[in-house]
Amino acid sequence: MSGQKDGVNALKKQKVGLISLIAIMYCACAAGAFGVEEMITASGPGMTIIMLLVFPLIWAVPFCMGVAELGAIMPDEGGSYVWVKRTLGEFWGFIGTFLLAISFYVANAVYIVLSVGYLSYFVELTVFQAFCIKVILIAIFTAINLMGIQEVGKVSTFLTIIVIAAFALVAIVGFLNWNQNPMEPFVPKGGGMIESIGGCASLCIWMYCGYISIPNIAGEVDNPQLIPKAVLLSLPLITATYVLPTIGGLASVGNWESWTVDGSSGGVGFSSVLTQYMGPAMGIVFCVVAIASQLAIFNSQLATGSRGFFVLADDNLCPKFLRKVSRKKGVPYVSVLLYTAVTLALMEFEFTALVLLEVIFGLATYVLVCIALIKMRKLYPVEERKGLFVIPGGKAGLYYCGLLPILVCVIVLLLNGTDYFLGGMLLIPIAVLFYIIFKRFYGGLHKTDPNLYPINGKTKLARGDLSRFGAFALIIGVYSMISVPFFNWYEGDWGQEYYLEEYGSGLFSNFDGMLKILLIYGIVMAAAGIALSLLGRKYDPVQKEVDLNEDSGKLVL
């Protein structure tokens, strides 16, 4: 560990093996196949199986390889923040990391809530008892995280073994008792292909998300080159966890219309395979597995999700107290405790909408990472990488991994529905507001190296930021305007009735009203983007020179 008291250079590297890293990755992304049940009822058995098989090819495989390449060449704490900052600059690095961090913060409490919910299936709990158990669980896993990544890896490995063993048993029992076609019906009766794809696309992409998380802890691993390997090796394990138990379950117990995550409602799920063919006692066993699954996700995401604001603070883009690192363990304990505090605050609230907004915020970061992947090839030619992992296939492989995930992001964000798309478009610009506040108040990278990161004397922001704000606003504006004819086509026949029934009153209850807001908002943002770009070109030109210092590893565009 460096002599520096706080920040990235004060982190203590710990010995974490490949198995532990794969386990952390597996827990962050999947920790079982829970959630597939909702896809089956929404889109039909056949479509669900096809989507689980296709999405790795168009989403998970290209993105995993992209993360592996970036993680190999820049195995630094903060992962995606370092990559985007290096290739696109300070502003875009902040935007991507801020949105990703918020997506972690608002969603992680749901895993504690679900774990206690599963416990209540066979142990009756009062509201106070449930609250106390949630607090105890959060305290336990916070303590584990404060001990360091090595301990997080050990716990993740233990929980991963439990979860994989349980779902492997479901797959085996299901295949041994195959009695029907798991692909029938392909889509629900009366439903169309487009509706079925839309019904499970956002869920499917959520289930194959998380690969961006483990590089966040690269600065705390003694051999960070193991992380790209863990990312690549975890993907087939995750895919098998989703696909094989789903096929086995549908082939053995069927009743696809009754599949549900909520086993207490008398519906069908993965546990039904074991209870039907091995006895009712297996229902309790599988409930324990469900609890282990949710705690595994919480444990891994507490480790990886808490590092975003830490690395921003280290670059003077967040409050300085978030840079604090424990003297003995070398862990960013303040960031971990802040993450815990937010979890405690949110665990008693209904936040289904926030969980889905997590996908929107997270995917915005994924797009920036894909762009960073393509730009990184220009900065660091393949022939100079000295045996590090590189996406195979030359430029074709690069564009497969860099462009295809962006296209998937753009489409899936629209398939999420008008309500969530509108909410996301309205909230994402908050990241720009926080950038302006933190940059002006804390100084950003200019405070560390004023020559490499000059500021505009009038705006007190980085030189060229007006143009970057313009580009951001223009992208949001154009995307919002394009969404209007899409939603008219995609939801126009049923949208008005559906949203009125779903929300009753308020902004999201009026389908036509949401489209009008999107159109007006898009026009305003696009106009603001053009105006800011013109002002930036005249009064705040982007620095044209690219100054890359191999010792500092910094880049300004």
Protein backbone atom coordinates (compact mmCIF):
# COMPACT_ATOMS: atom_id res chain seq x y z
CA MET A 1 0.00 0.00 0.00
CA SER A 2 1.21 3.49 -0.84
CA GLY A 3 2.16 6.02 1.81
CA GLN A 4 -0.80 8.16 0.75
CA LYS A 5 -3.44 8.26 3.46
CA ASP A 6 -6.60 8.28 1.34
CA GLY A 7 -7.79 7.76 -2.21
CA VAL A 8 -7.02 5.14 -4.82
CA ASN A 9 -3.28 5.08 -4.03
CA ALA A 10 -4.04 4.16 -0.41
CA LEU A 11 -5.94 0.99 -1.31
CA LYS A 12 -4.43 -2.26 -0.11
CA LYS A 13 -4.17 -5.00 -2.71
CA GLN A 14 -5.39 -8.39 -1.52
CA LYS A 15 -4.78 -11.87 -2.86
CA VAL A 16 -7.99 -12.86 -4.65
CA GLY A 17 -7.97 -15.96 -6.82
CA LEU A 18 -9.70 -16.59 -10.13
CA ILE A 19 -12.42 -18.72 -8.52
CA SER A 20 -13.31 -15.94 -6.09
CA LEU A 21 -13.44 -13.36 -8.86
CA ILE A 22 -15.68 -15.60 -10.97
CA ALA A 23 -17.93 -16.02 -7.93
CA ILE A 24 -18.14 -12.25 -7.35
CA MET A 25 -18.93 -11.79 -11.04
CA TYR A 26 -21.54 -14.57 -10.98
CA CYS A 27 -23.23 -13.12 -7.91
CA ALA A 28 -23.23 -9.58 -9.29
CA CYS A 29 -24.86 -10.69 -12.55
CA ALA A 30 -27.09 -13.64 -11.70
CA ALA A 31 -26.87 -15.65 -8.46
CA GLY A 32 -29.43 -18.07 -9.87
CA ALA A 33 -32.23 -17.88 -12.41
CA PHE A 34 -34.73 -15.96 -10.31
CA GLY A 35 -36.56 -13.50 -12.56
CA VAL A 36 -36.89 -15.82 -15.55
CA GLU A 37 -40.33 -16.76 -14.21
CA GLU A 38 -41.71 -13.34 -15.10
CA MET A 39 -40.35 -13.64 -18.64
CA ILE A 40 -42.14 -16.98 -19.13
CA THR A 41 -45.58 -15.63 -18.27
CA ALA A 42 -45.07 -12.35 -20.13
CA SER A 43 -43.66 -13.69 -23.38
CA GLY A 44 -44.32 -17.41 -23.49
CA PRO A 45 -42.02 -20.42 -22.91
CA GLY A 46 -40.58 -20.63 -26.42
CA MET A 47 -39.80 -16.94 -26.70
CA THR A 48 -38.21 -16.92 -23.23
CA ILE A 49 -35.83 -19.77 -24.08
CA ILE A 50 -34.90 -18.19 -27.42
CA MET A 51 -34.29 -14.80 -25.80
CA LEU A 52 -32.10 -16.38 -23.10
CA LEU A 53 -30.03 -17.99 -25.85
CA VAL A 54 -29.95 -15.03 -28.26
CA PHE A 55 -29.21 -12.23 -25.81
CA PRO A 56 -25.77 -13.56 -24.90
CA LEU A 57 -24.85 -13.42 -28.61
CA ILE A 58 -26.11 -9.89 -29.24
CA TRP A 59 -25.44 -8.41 -25.82
CA ALA A 60 -23.54 -10.36 -23.19
CA VAL A 61 -20.78 -11.91 -25.35
CA PRO A 62 -19.79 -8.69 -27.16
CA PHE A 63 -19.97 -6.60 -24.00
CA CYS A 64 -18.06 -9.16 -21.92
CA MET A 65 -15.27 -9.25 -24.49
CA GLY A 66 -15.20 -5.46 -24.58
CA VAL A 67 -14.94 -5.25 -20.79
CA ALA A 68 -12.23 -7.93 -20.82
CA GLU A 69 -10.17 -5.99 -23.37
CA LEU A 70 -10.52 -2.70 -21.54
CA GLY A 71 -9.89 -4.35 -18.18
CA ALA A 72 -6.75 -5.99 -19.51
CA ILE A 73 -5.17 -2.78 -20.79
CA MET A 74 -6.36 -0.60 -17.88
CA PRO A 75 -6.77 -2.74 -14.74
CA ASP A 76 -7.42 0.26 -12.52
CA GLU A 77 -9.79 0.96 -9.64
CA GLY A 78 -13.04 2.35 -10.95
CA GLY A 79 -13.06 0.31 -14.15
CA SER A 80 -15.46 2.00 -16.53
CA TYR A 81 -14.73 5.44 -15.07
CA VAL A 82 -11.04 5.14 -15.95
CA TRP A 83 -11.78 3.83 -19.45
CA VAL A 84 -14.32 6.52 -20.34
CA LYS A 85 -12.26 9.30 -18.75
CA ARG A 86 -9.18 8.21 -20.66
CA THR A 87 -10.91 8.12 -24.04
CA LEU A 88 -13.77 10.65 -23.83
CA GLY A 89 -12.64 12.99 -21.10
CA GLU A 90 -13.54 14.10 -17.60
CA PHE A 91 -17.15 15.11 -18.28
CA TRP A 92 -18.25 11.84 -19.91
CA GLY A 93 -16.33 9.85 -17.33
CA PHE A 94 -18.28 11.59 -14.58
CA ILE A 95 -21.64 11.14 -16.34
CA GLY A 96 -21.16 7.41 -16.86
CA THR A 97 -19.88 6.75 -13.35
CA PHE A 98 -22.46 8.94 -11.62
CA LEU A 99 -25.36 7.24 -13.41
CA LEU A 100 -23.95 3.77 -12.79
CA ALA A 101 -23.38 4.53 -9.11
CA ILE A 102 -26.93 5.83 -8.71
CA SER A 103 -28.28 2.71 -10.41
CA PHE A 104 -26.45 0.57 -7.84
CA TYR A 105 -27.55 2.68 -4.90
CA VAL A 106 -31.28 2.77 -5.67
CA ALA A 107 -31.63 -0.93 -6.44
CA ASN A 108 -29.51 -2.80 -3.92
CA ALA A 109 -32.01 -2.59 -1.06
CA VAL A 110 -34.42 -4.77 -3.03
CA TYR A 111 -32.19 -7.81 -2.49
CA ILE A 112 -32.38 -7.46 1.29
CA VAL A 113 -36.16 -6.99 1.08
CA LEU A 114 -36.52 -10.08 -1.12
CA SER A 115 -34.33 -12.22 1.15
CA VAL A 116 -36.49 -11.40 4.18
CA GLY A 117 -39.58 -11.88 2.03
CA TYR A 118 -38.47 -15.43 1.20
CA LEU A 119 -37.77 -16.07 4.89
CA SER A 120 -41.35 -15.04 5.75
CA TYR A 121 -42.69 -17.89 3.59
CA PHE A 122 -41.97 -20.38 6.37
CA VAL A 123 -41.40 -18.14 9.41
CA GLU A 124 -44.16 -15.71 10.30
CA LEU A 125 -42.64 -12.30 10.97
CA THR A 126 -44.06 -9.11 12.38
CA VAL A 127 -43.18 -5.84 10.69
CA PHE A 128 -40.72 -5.03 13.46
CA GLN A 129 -39.09 -8.46 13.33
CA ALA A 130 -38.69 -8.20 9.55
CA PHE A 131 -37.14 -4.76 9.96
CA CYS A 132 -34.67 -6.02 12.56
CA ILE A 133 -33.62 -8.96 10.37
CA LYS A 134 -33.02 -6.61 7.44
CA VAL A 135 -30.81 -4.40 9.61
CA ILE A 136 -28.87 -7.42 10.91
CA LEU A 137 -28.30 -8.78 7.40
CA ILE A 138 -27.11 -5.39 6.14
CA ALA A 139 -24.77 -5.09 9.14
CA ILE A 140 -23.29 -8.56 8.56
CA PHE A 141 -22.51 -8.00 4.90
CA THR A 142 -21.26 -4.49 5.57
CA ALA A 143 -18.80 -5.95 8.07
CA ILE A 144 -17.68 -8.52 5.48
CA ASN A 145 -17.10 -5.78 2.92
CA LEU A 146 -15.17 -3.66 5.40
CA MET A 147 -12.79 -6.60 5.86
CA GLY A 148 -11.82 -6.43 2.20
CA ILE A 149 -12.28 -7.97 -1.22
CA GLN A 150 -10.67 -11.24 -0.17
CA GLU A 151 -13.44 -11.87 2.36
CA VAL A 152 -16.10 -10.76 -0.11
CA GLY A 153 -14.71 -13.32 -2.55
CA LYS A 154 -14.79 -16.12 0.01
CA VAL A 155 -18.42 -15.44 0.92
CA SER A 156 -19.37 -15.10 -2.75
CA THR A 157 -17.73 -18.44 -3.52
CA PHE A 158 -19.64 -20.18 -0.73
CA LEU A 159 -22.98 -18.70 -1.79
CA THR A 160 -22.28 -19.39 -5.47
CA ILE A 161 -21.70 -23.08 -4.76
CA ILE A 162 -25.05 -23.29 -2.96
CA VAL A 163 -26.96 -21.52 -5.73
CA ILE A 164 -25.35 -23.39 -8.63
CA ALA A 165 -25.85 -26.75 -6.91
CA ALA A 166 -29.55 -26.02 -6.40
CA PHE A 167 -30.22 -24.93 -9.98
CA ALA A 168 -28.13 -27.79 -11.34
CA LEU A 169 -30.39 -30.14 -9.38
CA VAL A 170 -33.45 -28.43 -10.87
CA ALA A 171 -32.05 -28.91 -14.37
CA ILE A 172 -31.15 -32.58 -13.77
CA VAL A 173 -34.49 -33.49 -12.17
CA GLY A 174 -36.34 -31.59 -14.86
CA PHE A 175 -34.55 -33.30 -17.73
CA LEU A 176 -35.00 -36.75 -16.12
CA ASN A 177 -38.75 -36.12 -15.90
CA TRP A 178 -39.20 -34.57 -19.37
CA ASN A 179 -42.81 -35.08 -20.42
CA GLN A 180 -43.71 -32.16 -22.70
CA ASN A 181 -42.33 -29.68 -25.20
CA PRO A 182 -40.81 -26.77 -23.25
CA MET A 183 -41.08 -24.51 -26.29
CA GLU A 184 -44.87 -24.62 -26.53
CA PRO A 185 -46.55 -22.29 -26.84
CA PHE A 186 -43.89 -20.11 -28.40
CA VAL A 187 -45.79 -16.93 -27.46
CA PRO A 188 -48.96 -16.46 -25.37
CA LYS A 189 -52.22 -17.09 -27.17
CA GLY A 190 -53.43 -13.93 -28.87
CA GLY A 191 -50.04 -12.27 -28.50
CA GLY A 192 -47.74 -11.21 -31.31
CA MET A 193 -44.01 -11.60 -31.79
CA ILE A 194 -43.25 -7.91 -31.22
CA GLU A 195 -45.30 -7.78 -28.02
CA SER A 196 -43.61 -10.94 -26.71
CA ILE A 197 -40.13 -9.64 -27.45
CA GLY A 198 -40.95 -6.35 -25.79
CA GLY A 199 -42.43 -8.16 -22.81
CA CYS A 200 -39.15 -9.78 -21.84
CA ALA A 201 -36.40 -7.74 -23.53
CA SER A 202 -35.82 -5.35 -20.63
CA LEU A 203 -35.94 -8.21 -18.13
CA CYS A 204 -33.54 -10.21 -20.26
CA ILE A 205 -31.02 -7.41 -20.58
CA TRP A 206 -31.26 -6.83 -16.82
CA MET A 207 -30.44 -10.50 -16.22
CA TYR A 208 -27.39 -10.25 -18.47
CA CYS A 209 -26.17 -6.99 -16.92
CA GLY A 210 -23.50 -6.62 -14.27
CA TYR A 211 -20.34 -7.43 -16.23
CA ILE A 212 -19.26 -3.85 -15.84
CA SER A 213 -19.17 -4.10 -12.04
CA ILE A 214 -16.18 -6.26 -11.09
CA PRO A 215 -13.52 -4.07 -12.84
CA ASN A 216 -14.50 -1.42 -10.27
CA ILE A 217 -12.40 -3.27 -7.67
CA ALA A 218 -9.34 -3.87 -9.87
CA GLY A 219 -7.19 -1.60 -7.71
CA GLU A 220 -7.75 -3.89 -4.71
CA VAL A 221 -6.77 -7.18 -6.42
CA ASP A 222 -3.14 -8.25 -6.38
CA ASN A 223 -3.38 -9.66 -9.91
CA PRO A 224 -5.99 -7.56 -11.73
CA GLN A 225 -5.30 -9.41 -15.00
CA LEU A 226 -7.42 -12.20 -13.54
CA ILE A 227 -10.48 -9.97 -13.79
CA PRO A 228 -10.79 -10.13 -17.62
CA LYS A 229 -10.55 -13.92 -17.34
CA ALA A 230 -13.25 -13.95 -14.65
CA VAL A 231 -15.53 -11.84 -16.84
CA LEU A 232 -15.18 -14.21 -19.79
CA LEU A 233 -15.46 -17.43 -17.78
CA SER A 234 -18.51 -16.29 -15.82
CA LEU A 235 -20.65 -15.78 -18.93
CA PRO A 236 -21.17 -19.46 -19.91
CA LEU A 237 -21.83 -20.27 -16.26
CA ILE A 238 -24.50 -17.57 -16.04
CA THR A 239 -26.09 -18.57 -19.36
CA ALA A 240 -26.24 -22.22 -18.31
CA THR A 241 -27.84 -21.21 -14.99
CA TYR A 242 -30.62 -19.43 -16.88
CA VAL A 243 -31.22 -21.79 -19.79
CA LEU A 244 -30.90 -25.35 -18.46
CA PRO A 245 -33.16 -25.07 -15.37
CA THR A 246 -35.73 -23.15 -17.44
CA ILE A 247 -35.88 -25.86 -20.10
CA GLY A 248 -35.94 -28.59 -17.45
CA GLY A 249 -38.67 -26.86 -15.47
CA LEU A 250 -40.93 -26.22 -18.44
CA ALA A 251 -40.39 -29.74 -19.79
CA SER A 252 -41.24 -31.41 -16.48
CA VAL A 253 -43.86 -29.30 -14.66
CA GLY A 254 -45.19 -27.10 -17.49
CA ASN A 255 -48.03 -24.76 -16.41
CA TRP A 256 -46.15 -21.84 -17.94
CA GLU A 257 -49.03 -19.41 -17.29
CA SER A 258 -48.65 -19.92 -13.53
CA TRP A 259 -44.90 -19.37 -13.25
CA THR A 260 -44.04 -16.67 -10.72
CA VAL A 261 -41.19 -15.50 -8.49
CA ASP A 262 -43.59 -15.38 -5.54
CA GLY A 263 -43.77 -18.96 -4.33
CA SER A 264 -46.18 -18.05 -1.52
CA SER A 265 -48.95 -17.31 -4.02
CA GLY A 266 -49.33 -20.95 -4.99
CA GLY A 267 -47.79 -20.44 -8.41
CA VAL A 268 -45.20 -22.50 -10.24
CA GLY A 269 -41.46 -21.89 -10.24
CA PHE A 270 -38.10 -23.60 -10.18
CA SER A 271 -38.81 -25.00 -6.71
CA SER A 272 -41.87 -26.78 -8.12
CA VAL A 273 -39.59 -29.14 -10.05
CA LEU A 274 -38.03 -30.34 -6.81
CA THR A 275 -41.19 -30.41 -4.69
CA GLN A 276 -43.14 -32.32 -7.35
CA TYR A 277 -40.53 -35.00 -7.97
CA MET A 278 -38.51 -35.08 -4.71
CA GLY A 279 -41.04 -34.13 -2.04
CA PRO A 280 -42.49 -31.02 -0.30
CA ALA A 281 -39.45 -30.65 1.98
CA MET A 282 -37.43 -29.48 -1.01
CA GLY A 283 -39.58 -26.35 -1.06
CA ILE A 284 -37.99 -25.23 2.20
CA VAL A 285 -34.54 -26.09 0.87
CA PHE A 286 -35.10 -24.04 -2.24
CA CYS A 287 -36.42 -21.15 -0.19
CA VAL A 288 -33.10 -21.14 1.66
CA VAL A 289 -31.37 -21.09 -1.73
CA ALA A 290 -33.49 -18.10 -2.75
CA ILE A 291 -32.37 -16.26 0.39
CA ALA A 292 -28.74 -17.15 -0.33
CA SER A 293 -29.16 -15.88 -3.89
CA GLN A 294 -30.41 -12.45 -2.85
CA LEU A 295 -27.74 -12.09 -0.18
CA ALA A 296 -25.07 -13.09 -2.71
CA ILE A 297 -26.15 -10.29 -5.02
CA PHE A 298 -26.23 -7.80 -2.18
CA ASN A 299 -22.77 -8.81 -0.98
CA SER A 300 -21.11 -8.52 -4.40
CA GLN A 301 -22.88 -5.32 -5.41
CA LEU A 302 -22.05 -3.69 -2.09
CA ALA A 303 -18.39 -4.30 -2.95
CA THR A 304 -18.48 -3.26 -6.59
CA GLY A 305 -21.24 -0.63 -6.51
CA SER A 306 -19.75 1.42 -3.68
CA ARG A 307 -16.57 2.30 -5.61
CA GLY A 308 -18.10 4.77 -8.08
CA PHE A 309 -18.27 7.82 -5.84
CA PHE A 310 -14.95 6.81 -4.28
CA VAL A 311 -13.02 7.15 -7.55
CA LEU A 312 -14.89 10.34 -8.43
CA ALA A 313 -13.90 11.81 -5.08
CA ASP A 314 -10.30 10.79 -5.74
CA ASP A 315 -10.43 12.97 -8.87
CA ASN A 316 -12.02 15.88 -6.97
CA LEU A 317 -15.43 15.31 -8.53
CA CYS A 318 -17.26 14.32 -5.34
CA PRO A 319 -17.07 15.27 -1.65
CA LYS A 320 -13.59 14.59 -0.29
CA PHE A 321 -14.71 12.50 2.68
CA LEU A 322 -15.63 9.72 0.23
CA ARG A 323 -11.89 9.19 -0.41
CA LYS A 324 -11.35 7.84 3.11
CA VAL A 325 -9.57 4.47 3.25
CA SER A 326 -9.19 2.31 6.37
CA ARG A 327 -5.62 2.17 7.66
CA LYS A 328 -5.53 -1.53 8.50
CA LYS A 329 -7.46 -3.10 5.62
CA GLY A 330 -7.01 -0.44 2.95
CA VAL A 331 -10.76 -0.47 2.14
CA PRO A 332 -12.77 2.65 1.08
CA TYR A 333 -14.88 2.35 4.21
CA VAL A 334 -16.74 5.65 3.95
CA SER A 335 -18.08 4.74 0.49
CA VAL A 336 -19.13 1.32 1.80
CA LEU A 337 -20.88 2.87 4.81
CA LEU A 338 -22.63 5.44 2.62
CA TYR A 339 -23.89 2.61 0.41
CA THR A 340 -25.13 0.84 3.54
CA ALA A 341 -26.87 3.97 4.81
CA VAL A 342 -28.73 4.42 1.52
CA THR A 343 -29.78 0.76 1.62
CA LEU A 344 -31.14 1.21 5.13
CA ALA A 345 -33.03 4.31 4.05
CA LEU A 346 -34.62 2.68 1.00
CA MET A 347 -35.42 -0.80 2.28
CA GLU A 348 -38.85 0.16 3.64
CA PHE A 349 -40.05 1.90 0.48
CA GLU A 350 -41.79 0.63 -2.62
CA PHE A 351 -39.31 1.30 -5.40
CA THR A 352 -40.18 -1.01 -8.30
CA ALA A 353 -39.96 1.96 -10.67
CA LEU A 354 -36.51 2.84 -9.33
CA VAL A 355 -35.29 -0.69 -10.03
CA LEU A 356 -36.35 -0.34 -13.66
CA LEU A 357 -34.79 3.11 -13.84
CA GLU A 358 -31.63 1.31 -12.70
CA VAL A 359 -31.59 -0.37 -16.10
CA ILE A 360 -31.93 2.97 -17.93
CA PHE A 361 -29.13 4.63 -15.94
CA GLY A 362 -26.91 1.58 -16.23
CA LEU A 363 -27.38 1.24 -19.98
CA ALA A 364 -26.34 4.86 -20.51
CA THR A 365 -22.99 3.91 -18.96
CA TYR A 366 -22.78 0.77 -21.10
CA VAL A 367 -23.09 2.91 -24.23
CA LEU A 368 -20.19 5.11 -23.11
CA VAL A 369 -18.06 2.03 -22.38
CA CYS A 370 -18.70 0.69 -25.88
CA ILE A 371 -17.61 4.01 -27.39
CA ALA A 372 -14.54 3.97 -25.14
CA LEU A 373 -13.68 0.48 -26.41
CA ILE A 374 -13.57 1.67 -30.02
CA LYS A 375 -11.55 4.80 -29.21
CA MET A 376 -9.12 2.86 -27.05
CA ARG A 377 -7.97 0.85 -30.07
CA LYS A 378 -6.77 4.09 -31.66
CA LEU A 379 -4.93 5.19 -28.53
CA TYR A 380 -3.34 1.81 -27.85
CA PRO A 381 -2.79 -0.18 -31.06
CA VAL A 382 -3.12 -3.94 -30.68
CA GLU A 383 0.49 -4.59 -31.62
CA GLU A 384 1.63 -2.57 -28.57
CA ARG A 385 -0.36 -4.55 -26.00
CA LYS A 386 2.22 -7.22 -25.27
CA GLY A 387 0.08 -10.35 -24.97
CA LEU A 388 -2.93 -8.78 -23.21
CA PHE A 389 -6.40 -10.01 -24.12
CA VAL A 390 -7.68 -8.50 -27.35
CA ILE A 391 -11.06 -9.11 -28.96
CA PRO A 392 -10.47 -11.54 -31.86
CA GLY A 393 -11.54 -10.80 -35.42
CA GLY A 394 -9.80 -7.52 -36.08
CA LYS A 395 -12.03 -4.55 -36.87
CA ALA A 396 -15.05 -6.81 -37.44
CA GLY A 397 -14.68 -8.20 -33.93
CA LEU A 398 -14.16 -4.72 -32.51
CA TYR A 399 -17.31 -3.32 -34.11
CA TYR A 400 -19.30 -6.41 -33.13
CA CYS A 401 -18.37 -5.76 -29.51
CA GLY A 402 -18.55 -1.97 -29.70
CA LEU A 403 -21.54 -1.20 -31.89
CA LEU A 404 -23.98 -4.10 -31.43
CA PRO A 405 -24.46 -3.51 -27.67
CA ILE A 406 -25.16 0.18 -28.36
CA LEU A 407 -27.89 -0.79 -30.83
CA VAL A 408 -29.35 -3.21 -28.27
CA CYS A 409 -29.33 -0.48 -25.61
CA VAL A 410 -31.14 1.99 -27.86
CA ILE A 411 -33.85 -0.54 -28.76
CA VAL A 412 -34.34 -1.99 -25.28
CA LEU A 413 -34.69 1.44 -23.70
CA LEU A 414 -37.62 2.02 -26.04
CA LEU A 415 -39.11 -1.42 -25.40
CA ASN A 416 -39.14 -0.60 -21.67
CA GLY A 417 -42.30 1.42 -22.30
CA THR A 418 -43.27 5.07 -22.54
CA ASP A 419 -43.46 5.59 -18.78
CA TYR A 420 -39.98 4.35 -17.94
CA PHE A 421 -38.44 5.92 -21.03
CA LEU A 422 -39.92 9.32 -20.14
CA GLY A 423 -38.81 8.98 -16.52
CA GLY A 424 -35.31 8.09 -17.60
CA MET A 425 -34.99 10.90 -20.12
CA LEU A 426 -36.18 13.43 -17.54
CA LEU A 427 -33.83 12.19 -14.81
CA ILE A 428 -30.61 11.44 -16.71
CA PRO A 429 -29.74 15.18 -17.16
CA ILE A 430 -29.51 15.45 -13.35
CA ALA A 431 -26.04 13.97 -13.78
CA VAL A 432 -24.97 17.09 -15.69
CA LEU A 433 -26.24 19.31 -12.88
CA PHE A 434 -24.20 17.38 -10.32
CA TYR A 435 -21.15 17.55 -12.58
CA ILE A 436 -21.39 21.35 -12.73
CA ILE A 437 -21.81 21.62 -8.96
CA PHE A 438 -19.00 19.21 -8.07
CA LYS A 439 -16.63 20.50 -10.74
CA ARG A 440 -17.00 24.10 -9.61
CA PHE A 441 -16.93 23.28 -5.90
CA TYR A 442 -14.18 20.63 -5.77
CA GLY A 443 -12.15 21.51 -8.88
CA GLY A 444 -12.07 18.16 -10.67
CA LEU A 445 -8.94 17.04 -12.51
CA HIS A 446 -7.79 20.65 -12.92
CA LYS A 447 -6.94 20.67 -9.23
CA THR A 448 -4.56 17.74 -9.74
CA ASP A 449 -2.99 18.86 -13.02
CA PRO A 450 -4.02 22.36 -14.19
CA ASN A 451 -1.80 22.20 -17.28
CA LEU A 452 -3.25 18.96 -18.59
CA TYR A 453 -6.81 19.81 -17.57
CA PRO A 454 -7.28 23.56 -18.09
CA ILE A 455 -10.49 25.34 -17.15
CA ASN A 456 -12.44 28.15 -18.72
CA GLY A 457 -11.89 31.22 -16.57
CA LYS A 458 -15.47 32.41 -17.08
CA THR A 459 -17.41 29.18 -16.50
CA LYS A 460 -14.94 27.64 -14.01
CA LEU A 461 -15.56 24.35 -15.83
CA ALA A 462 -13.25 22.30 -18.00
CA ARG A 463 -12.34 23.91 -21.32
CA GLY A 464 -14.80 22.69 -23.93
CA ASP A 465 -17.54 21.70 -21.46
CA LEU A 466 -20.13 23.93 -23.12
CA SER A 467 -19.78 21.91 -26.30
CA ARG A 468 -20.00 18.67 -24.32
CA PHE A 469 -23.17 19.90 -22.62
CA GLY A 470 -24.48 20.69 -26.09
CA ALA A 471 -23.69 17.21 -27.38
CA PHE A 472 -25.37 15.66 -24.34
CA ALA A 473 -28.53 17.75 -24.72
CA LEU A 474 -28.69 17.13 -28.46
CA ILE A 475 -28.47 13.36 -28.00
CA ILE A 476 -31.23 13.39 -25.37
CA GLY A 477 -33.37 15.68 -27.50
CA VAL A 478 -33.10 13.73 -30.74
CA TYR A 479 -33.62 10.41 -28.96
CA SER A 480 -36.74 11.78 -27.22
CA MET A 481 -38.20 13.04 -30.49
CA ILE A 482 -37.50 9.75 -32.27
CA SER A 483 -39.26 7.88 -29.47
CA VAL A 484 -42.60 9.58 -30.15
CA PRO A 485 -43.42 7.91 -33.51
CA PHE A 486 -42.01 4.64 -32.15
CA PHE A 487 -44.32 4.64 -29.12
CA ASN A 488 -47.27 5.65 -31.31
CA TRP A 489 -46.58 2.52 -33.39
CA TYR A 490 -45.60 0.22 -30.51
CA GLU A 491 -48.21 1.17 -27.88
CA GLY A 492 -50.69 3.34 -29.73
CA ASP A 493 -53.47 0.73 -29.92
CA TRP A 494 -53.58 0.02 -26.21
CA GLY A 495 -51.38 2.59 -24.48
CA GLN A 496 -54.09 5.03 -23.39
CA GLU A 497 -56.16 2.38 -21.61
CA TYR A 498 -53.18 0.52 -20.19
CA TYR A 499 -51.48 3.50 -18.55
CA LEU A 500 -54.74 4.87 -17.19
CA GLU A 501 -55.49 1.51 -15.59
CA GLU A 502 -51.92 1.08 -14.38
CA TYR A 503 -51.49 4.50 -12.75
CA GLY A 504 -55.03 5.85 -12.31
CA SER A 505 -53.92 9.47 -12.27
CA GLY A 506 -50.84 11.61 -12.64
CA LEU A 507 -48.24 12.14 -15.33
CA PHE A 508 -47.80 8.49 -16.33
CA SER A 509 -51.53 7.75 -16.55
CA ASN A 510 -51.93 9.78 -19.76
CA PHE A 511 -50.31 8.07 -22.75
CA ASP A 512 -50.98 10.91 -25.19
CA GLY A 513 -49.79 13.40 -22.61
CA MET A 514 -46.50 11.56 -22.16
CA LEU A 515 -45.93 11.61 -25.91
CA LYS A 516 -46.54 15.35 -26.01
CA ILE A 517 -44.09 15.87 -23.17
CA LEU A 518 -41.48 13.75 -24.94
CA LEU A 519 -41.92 15.73 -28.15
CA ILE A 520 -41.74 19.15 -26.47
CA TYR A 521 -38.91 18.04 -24.21
CA GLY A 522 -37.03 16.64 -27.20
CA ILE A 523 -37.40 19.86 -29.17
CA VAL A 524 -36.28 21.99 -26.22
CA MET A 525 -33.27 19.76 -25.46
CA ALA A 526 -32.24 19.60 -29.11
CA ALA A 527 -32.49 23.37 -29.44
CA ALA A 528 -30.52 23.84 -26.22
CA GLY A 529 -27.93 21.38 -27.50
CA ILE A 530 -27.46 23.29 -30.73
CA ALA A 531 -27.27 26.62 -28.91
CA LEU A 532 -24.73 25.33 -26.38
CA SER A 533 -22.64 23.79 -29.15
CA LEU A 534 -22.55 27.09 -31.04
CA LEU A 535 -21.71 29.05 -27.89
CA GLY A 536 -19.04 26.52 -27.00
CA ARG A 537 -17.46 26.71 -30.43
CA LYS A 538 -17.21 30.49 -30.17
CA TYR A 539 -16.46 31.11 -26.49
CA ASP A 540 -15.30 27.76 -25.10
CA PRO A 541 -13.55 25.72 -27.81
CA VAL A 542 -12.70 22.10 -27.11
CA GLN A 543 -9.00 21.54 -26.68
CA LYS A 544 -7.90 19.90 -29.90
CA GLU A 545 -4.55 18.58 -28.75
CA VAL A 546 -4.48 15.11 -27.27
CA ASP A 547 -1.79 14.92 -24.65
CA LEU A 548 -1.18 11.39 -23.45
CA ASN A 549 1.42 10.93 -20.76
CA GLU A 550 2.38 7.29 -20.37
CA ASP A 551 3.46 7.80 -16.80
CA SER A 552 0.29 9.48 -15.61
CA GLY A 553 -2.02 7.72 -18.02
CA LYS A 554 -4.11 10.84 -18.52
CA LEU A 555 -5.85 11.98 -21.62
CA VAL A 556 -7.59 15.21 -22.55
CA LEU A 557 -9.74 15.59 -25.64
